[in-house]
C-alpha atoms as a PDB file:
ATOM      1  CA  UNK A   1     -22.141   6.626  11.242  1.00  0.00           C
ATOM      2  CA  UNK A   2     -22.035   2.882  11.795  1.00  0.00           C
ATOM      3  CA  UNK A   3     -19.715   1.102   9.391  1.00  0.00           C
ATOM      4  CA  UNK A   4     -17.344   2.868   7.070  1.00  0.00           C
ATOM      5  CA  UNK A   5     -18.292   6.203   5.519  1.00  0.00           C
ATOM      6  CA  UNK A   6     -15.897   5.699   2.621  1.00  0.00           C
ATOM      7  CA  UNK A   7     -17.550   2.401   1.716  1.00  0.00           C
ATOM      8  CA  UNK A   8     -20.959   4.061   2.068  1.00  0.00           C
ATOM      9  CA  UNK A   9     -19.817   6.766  -0.367  1.00  0.00           C
ATOM     10  CA  UNK A  10     -18.621   4.121  -2.844  1.00  0.00           C
ATOM     11  CA  UNK A  11     -21.984   2.362  -2.627  1.00  0.00           C
ATOM     12  CA  UNK A  12     -23.933   5.572  -3.120  1.00  0.00           C
ATOM     13  CA  UNK A  13     -21.821   6.545  -6.093  1.00  0.00           C
ATOM     14  CA  UNK A  14     -22.561   3.249  -7.826  1.00  0.00           C
ATOM     15  CA  UNK A  15     -26.279   4.051  -7.983  1.00  0.00           C
ATOM     16  CA  UNK A  16     -27.804   4.670 -11.402  1.00  0.00           C
ATOM     17  CA  UNK A  17     -28.252   8.371 -10.622  1.00  0.00           C
ATOM     18  CA  UNK A  18     -25.606   8.949  -7.940  1.00  0.00           C
ATOM     19  CA  UNK A  19     -25.807  11.913  -5.576  1.00  0.00           C
ATOM     20  CA  UNK A  20     -22.909  14.267  -4.925  1.00  0.00           C
ATOM     21  CA  UNK A  21     -21.186  13.054  -1.768  1.00  0.00           C
ATOM     22  CA  UNK A  22     -19.693  15.368   0.834  1.00  0.00           C
ATOM     23  CA  UNK A  23     -17.946  13.736   3.773  1.00  0.00           C
ATOM     24  CA  UNK A  24     -18.668  15.414   7.127  1.00  0.00           C
ATOM     25  CA  UNK A  25     -16.149  13.949   9.525  1.00  0.00           C
ATOM     26  CA  UNK A  26     -13.772  14.451  12.431  1.00  0.00           C
ATOM     27  CA  UNK A  27     -10.917  12.682  10.661  1.00  0.00           C
ATOM     28  CA  UNK A  28      -8.000  14.818   9.525  1.00  0.00           C
ATOM     29  CA  UNK A  29      -5.957  11.747   8.559  1.00  0.00           C
ATOM     30  CA  UNK A  30      -4.467  12.203   5.088  1.00  0.00           C
ATOM     31  CA  UNK A  31      -5.254   8.633   4.024  1.00  0.00           C
ATOM     32  CA  UNK A  32      -8.937   9.099   5.001  1.00  0.00           C
ATOM     33  CA  UNK A  33      -9.132  12.321   3.007  1.00  0.00           C
ATOM     34  CA  UNK A  34      -7.513  10.779  -0.053  1.00  0.00           C
ATOM     35  CA  UNK A  35      -9.576   7.565   0.203  1.00  0.00           C
ATOM     36  CA  UNK A  36     -12.765   9.636   0.383  1.00  0.00           C
ATOM     37  CA  UNK A  37     -11.856  11.667  -2.678  1.00  0.00           C
ATOM     38  CA  UNK A  38     -10.708   8.577  -4.586  1.00  0.00           C
ATOM     39  CA  UNK A  39     -14.036   6.935  -3.709  1.00  0.00           C
ATOM     40  CA  UNK A  40     -15.749   9.805  -5.501  1.00  0.00           C
ATOM     41  CA  UNK A  41     -16.626  12.276  -2.759  1.00  0.00           C
ATOM     42  CA  UNK A  42     -16.578  15.846  -4.041  1.00  0.00           C
ATOM     43  CA  UNK A  43     -16.345  17.383  -0.601  1.00  0.00           C
ATOM     44  CA  UNK A  44     -14.519  16.791   2.669  1.00  0.00           C
ATOM     45  CA  UNK A  45     -15.655  18.934   5.580  1.00  0.00           C
ATOM     46  CA  UNK A  46     -14.544  18.731   9.191  1.00  0.00           C
ATOM     47  CA  UNK A  47     -17.160  18.603  11.934  1.00  0.00           C
ATOM     48  CA  UNK A  48     -17.050  21.780  13.956  1.00  0.00           C
ATOM     49  CA  UNK A  49     -17.286  23.915  10.829  1.00  0.00           C
ATOM     50  CA  UNK A  50     -19.350  27.061  11.298  1.00  0.00           C
ATOM     51  CA  UNK A  51     -22.940  26.754  10.043  1.00  0.00           C
ATOM     52  CA  UNK A  52     -22.512  29.500   7.430  1.00  0.00           C
ATOM     53  CA  UNK A  53     -19.348  27.837   6.087  1.00  0.00           C
ATOM     54  CA  UNK A  54     -21.089  24.456   5.898  1.00  0.00           C
ATOM     55  CA  UNK A  55     -23.995  25.981   3.988  1.00  0.00           C
ATOM     56  CA  UNK A  56     -21.551  27.663   1.593  1.00  0.00           C
ATOM     57  CA  UNK A  57     -19.670  24.369   1.062  1.00  0.00           C
ATOM     58  CA  UNK A  58     -22.900  22.501   0.274  1.00  0.00           C
ATOM     59  CA  UNK A  59     -24.023  25.255  -2.104  1.00  0.00           C
ATOM     60  CA  UNK A  60     -20.642  25.149  -3.887  1.00  0.00           C
ATOM     61  CA  UNK A  61     -20.894  21.378  -4.321  1.00  0.00           C
ATOM     62  CA  UNK A  62     -24.504  21.645  -5.514  1.00  0.00           C
ATOM     63  CA  UNK A  63     -23.311  24.177  -8.106  1.00  0.00           C
ATOM     64  CA  UNK A  64     -20.777  21.683  -9.452  1.00  0.00           C
ATOM     65  CA  UNK A  65     -17.658  22.658  -7.520  1.00  0.00           C
ATOM     66  CA  UNK A  66     -15.775  20.604  -4.978  1.00  0.00           C
ATOM     67  CA  UNK A  67     -14.868  21.559  -1.432  1.00  0.00           C
ATOM     68  CA  UNK A  68     -12.173  20.438   0.986  1.00  0.00           C
ATOM     69  CA  UNK A  69     -11.680  22.277   4.263  1.00  0.00           C
ATOM     70  CA  UNK A  70      -9.002  24.871   3.454  1.00  0.00           C
ATOM     71  CA  UNK A  71      -6.586  23.919   6.239  1.00  0.00           C
ATOM     72  CA  UNK A  72      -6.657  20.301   5.023  1.00  0.00           C
ATOM     73  CA  UNK A  73      -6.054  21.284   1.415  1.00  0.00           C
ATOM     74  CA  UNK A  74      -2.978  23.320   2.314  1.00  0.00           C
ATOM     75  CA  UNK A  75      -1.594  20.540   4.527  1.00  0.00           C
ATOM     76  CA  UNK A  76      -2.102  17.839   1.878  1.00  0.00           C
ATOM     77  CA  UNK A  77      -0.523  19.972  -0.852  1.00  0.00           C
ATOM     78  CA  UNK A  78       2.428  20.825   1.393  1.00  0.00           C
ATOM     79  CA  UNK A  79       3.033  17.172   2.256  1.00  0.00           C
ATOM     80  CA  UNK A  80       2.685  16.150  -1.395  1.00  0.00           C
ATOM     81  CA  UNK A  81       5.426  18.618  -2.323  1.00  0.00           C
ATOM     82  CA  UNK A  82       7.793  17.532   0.458  1.00  0.00           C
ATOM     83  CA  UNK A  83       7.259  13.756   0.373  1.00  0.00           C
ATOM     84  CA  UNK A  84       7.885  11.481  -2.569  1.00  0.00           C
ATOM     85  CA  UNK A  85       4.673   9.907  -3.792  1.00  0.00           C
ATOM     86  CA  UNK A  86       4.115   6.580  -2.087  1.00  0.00           C
ATOM     87  CA  UNK A  87       2.666   3.763  -4.099  1.00  0.00           C
ATOM     88  CA  UNK A  88      -0.657   2.370  -2.954  1.00  0.00           C
ATOM     89  CA  UNK A  89       0.911  -1.045  -3.444  1.00  0.00           C
ATOM     90  CA  UNK A  90       3.518  -0.262  -0.818  1.00  0.00           C
ATOM     91  CA  UNK A  91       0.763  -0.275   1.817  1.00  0.00           C
ATOM     92  CA  UNK A  92       0.163  -3.997   1.224  1.00  0.00           C
ATOM     93  CA  UNK A  93       1.529  -6.591   3.615  1.00  0.00           C
ATOM     94  CA  UNK A  94       3.713  -9.340   2.127  1.00  0.00           C
ATOM     95  CA  UNK A  95       0.768 -11.772   2.276  1.00  0.00           C
ATOM     96  CA  UNK A  96      -1.538  -9.254   0.569  1.00  0.00           C
ATOM     97  CA  UNK A  97       1.070  -8.677  -2.141  1.00  0.00           C
ATOM     98  CA  UNK A  98       1.426 -12.433  -2.716  1.00  0.00           C
ATOM     99  CA  UNK A  99      -2.365 -12.682  -2.916  1.00  0.00           C
ATOM    100  CA  UNK A 100      -2.524  -9.806  -5.423  1.00  0.00           C
ATOM    101  CA  UNK A 101       0.215 -11.318  -7.586  1.00  0.00           C
ATOM    102  CA  UNK A 102      -1.745 -14.581  -7.774  1.00  0.00           C
ATOM    103  CA  UNK A 103      -5.009 -12.695  -8.438  1.00  0.00           C
ATOM    104  CA  UNK A 104      -3.232 -10.930 -11.304  1.00  0.00           C
ATOM    105  CA  UNK A 105      -2.405 -14.354 -12.773  1.00  0.00           C
ATOM    106  CA  UNK A 106      -6.135 -15.107 -12.809  1.00  0.00           C
ATOM    107  CA  UNK A 107      -6.179 -17.656  -9.985  1.00  0.00           C
ATOM    108  CA  UNK A 108      -9.403 -18.256  -8.045  1.00  0.00           C
ATOM    109  CA  UNK A 109      -9.583 -17.889  -4.263  1.00  0.00           C
ATOM    110  CA  UNK A 110      -9.376 -21.679  -3.929  1.00  0.00           C
ATOM    111  CA  UNK A 111      -6.280 -21.827  -6.141  1.00  0.00           C
ATOM    112  CA  UNK A 112      -4.647 -18.938  -4.278  1.00  0.00           C
ATOM    113  CA  UNK A 113      -5.335 -20.710  -0.981  1.00  0.00           C
ATOM    114  CA  UNK A 114      -3.744 -23.907  -2.264  1.00  0.00           C
ATOM    115  CA  UNK A 115      -0.638 -22.042  -3.478  1.00  0.00           C
ATOM    116  CA  UNK A 116      -0.213 -20.091  -0.248  1.00  0.00           C
ATOM    117  CA  UNK A 117      -1.257 -22.894   2.105  1.00  0.00           C
ATOM    118  CA  UNK A 118      -4.149 -20.917   3.610  1.00  0.00           C
ATOM    119  CA  UNK A 119      -7.910 -21.420   3.741  1.00  0.00           C
ATOM    120  CA  UNK A 120     -10.302 -19.908   1.209  1.00  0.00           C
ATOM    121  CA  UNK A 121     -11.932 -17.625   3.849  1.00  0.00           C
ATOM    122  CA  UNK A 122      -8.463 -16.293   4.686  1.00  0.00           C
ATOM    123  CA  UNK A 123      -7.853 -15.621   0.983  1.00  0.00           C
ATOM    124  CA  UNK A 124     -11.186 -13.753   0.816  1.00  0.00           C
ATOM    125  CA  UNK A 125     -10.072 -11.649   3.787  1.00  0.00           C
ATOM    126  CA  UNK A 126      -6.771 -10.789   2.067  1.00  0.00           C
ATOM    127  CA  UNK A 127      -8.532 -10.002  -1.231  1.00  0.00           C
ATOM    128  CA  UNK A 128     -10.887  -7.658   0.634  1.00  0.00           C
ATOM    129  CA  UNK A 129      -7.957  -5.877   2.289  1.00  0.00           C
ATOM    130  CA  UNK A 130      -6.150  -5.555  -1.057  1.00  0.00           C
ATOM    131  CA  UNK A 131      -9.244  -4.014  -2.685  1.00  0.00           C
ATOM    132  CA  UNK A 132      -9.705  -1.652   0.245  1.00  0.00           C
ATOM    133  CA  UNK A 133      -6.085  -0.512   0.347  1.00  0.00           C
ATOM    134  CA  UNK A 134      -5.910   0.001  -3.403  1.00  0.00           C
ATOM    135  CA  UNK A 135      -9.298   1.693  -3.583  1.00  0.00           C
ATOM    136  CA  UNK A 136     -10.316  -0.849  -6.199  1.00  0.00           C
ATOM    137  CA  UNK A 137     -13.937  -1.891  -6.703  1.00  0.00           C
ATOM    138  CA  UNK A 138     -13.074  -5.401  -7.877  1.00  0.00           C
ATOM    139  CA  UNK A 139     -10.296  -7.861  -8.686  1.00  0.00           C
ATOM    140  CA  UNK A 140      -9.939  -6.558 -12.237  1.00  0.00           C
ATOM    141  CA  UNK A 141      -9.274  -2.983 -11.080  1.00  0.00           C
ATOM    142  CA  UNK A 142      -6.771  -4.232  -8.499  1.00  0.00           C
ATOM    143  CA  UNK A 143      -4.995  -6.290 -11.149  1.00  0.00           C
ATOM    144  CA  UNK A 144      -4.832  -3.346 -13.565  1.00  0.00           C
ATOM    145  CA  UNK A 145      -3.343  -1.120 -10.841  1.00  0.00           C
ATOM    146  CA  UNK A 146      -0.806  -3.781  -9.952  1.00  0.00           C
ATOM    147  CA  UNK A 147       0.185  -4.423 -13.550  1.00  0.00           C
ATOM    148  CA  UNK A 148       0.673  -0.700 -14.187  1.00  0.00           C
ATOM    149  CA  UNK A 149       3.001  -0.447 -11.199  1.00  0.00           C
ATOM    150  CA  UNK A 150       4.775  -3.759 -11.711  1.00  0.00           C
ATOM    151  CA  UNK A 151       4.993  -3.315 -15.475  1.00  0.00           C
ATOM    152  CA  UNK A 152       3.080  -6.526 -16.089  1.00  0.00           C
ATOM    153  CA  UNK A 153       5.513  -8.458 -13.868  1.00  0.00           C
ATOM    154  CA  UNK A 154       3.307 -10.500 -11.532  1.00  0.00           C
ATOM    155  CA  UNK A 155       5.812 -13.212 -10.747  1.00  0.00           C
ATOM    156  CA  UNK A 156       7.590 -13.014  -7.463  1.00  0.00           C
ATOM    157  CA  UNK A 157       9.797 -15.500  -5.729  1.00  0.00           C
ATOM    158  CA  UNK A 158       7.516 -15.156  -2.719  1.00  0.00           C
ATOM    159  CA  UNK A 159       4.291 -15.973  -4.611  1.00  0.00           C
END
């Protein structure tokens, strides 16, 4: 699929009468699986699945259930038990975190650029990366996530 399947799923799920989305992919990367499910997909199936199993997965989803390839489910659950939960905010670069802190203060892209000494297109790039990494649909969602984690503290000596 050209482009990003996760973004395609997000777009589809914003339709007035959204379809149920099942990802059919070769990716076994945990972050791809989680991003797909957080985007609203109700299924995650690996390519190479047997035809009968694929049909059963689609039927289960159509009946209102969800489906994740069993070997992926076990692996994700095992890793979740053995690893401490990592904050989505910890995936941000320092520049993305500074950008998010200024977004959370309500600054425009132009104002953020002036504060950080970067161009407005560069700010837009960082905002896009922040939204993508946080799985947020817009600046408001990103700000709410950040404020929950930071406890409303958006000031930083680096911002």
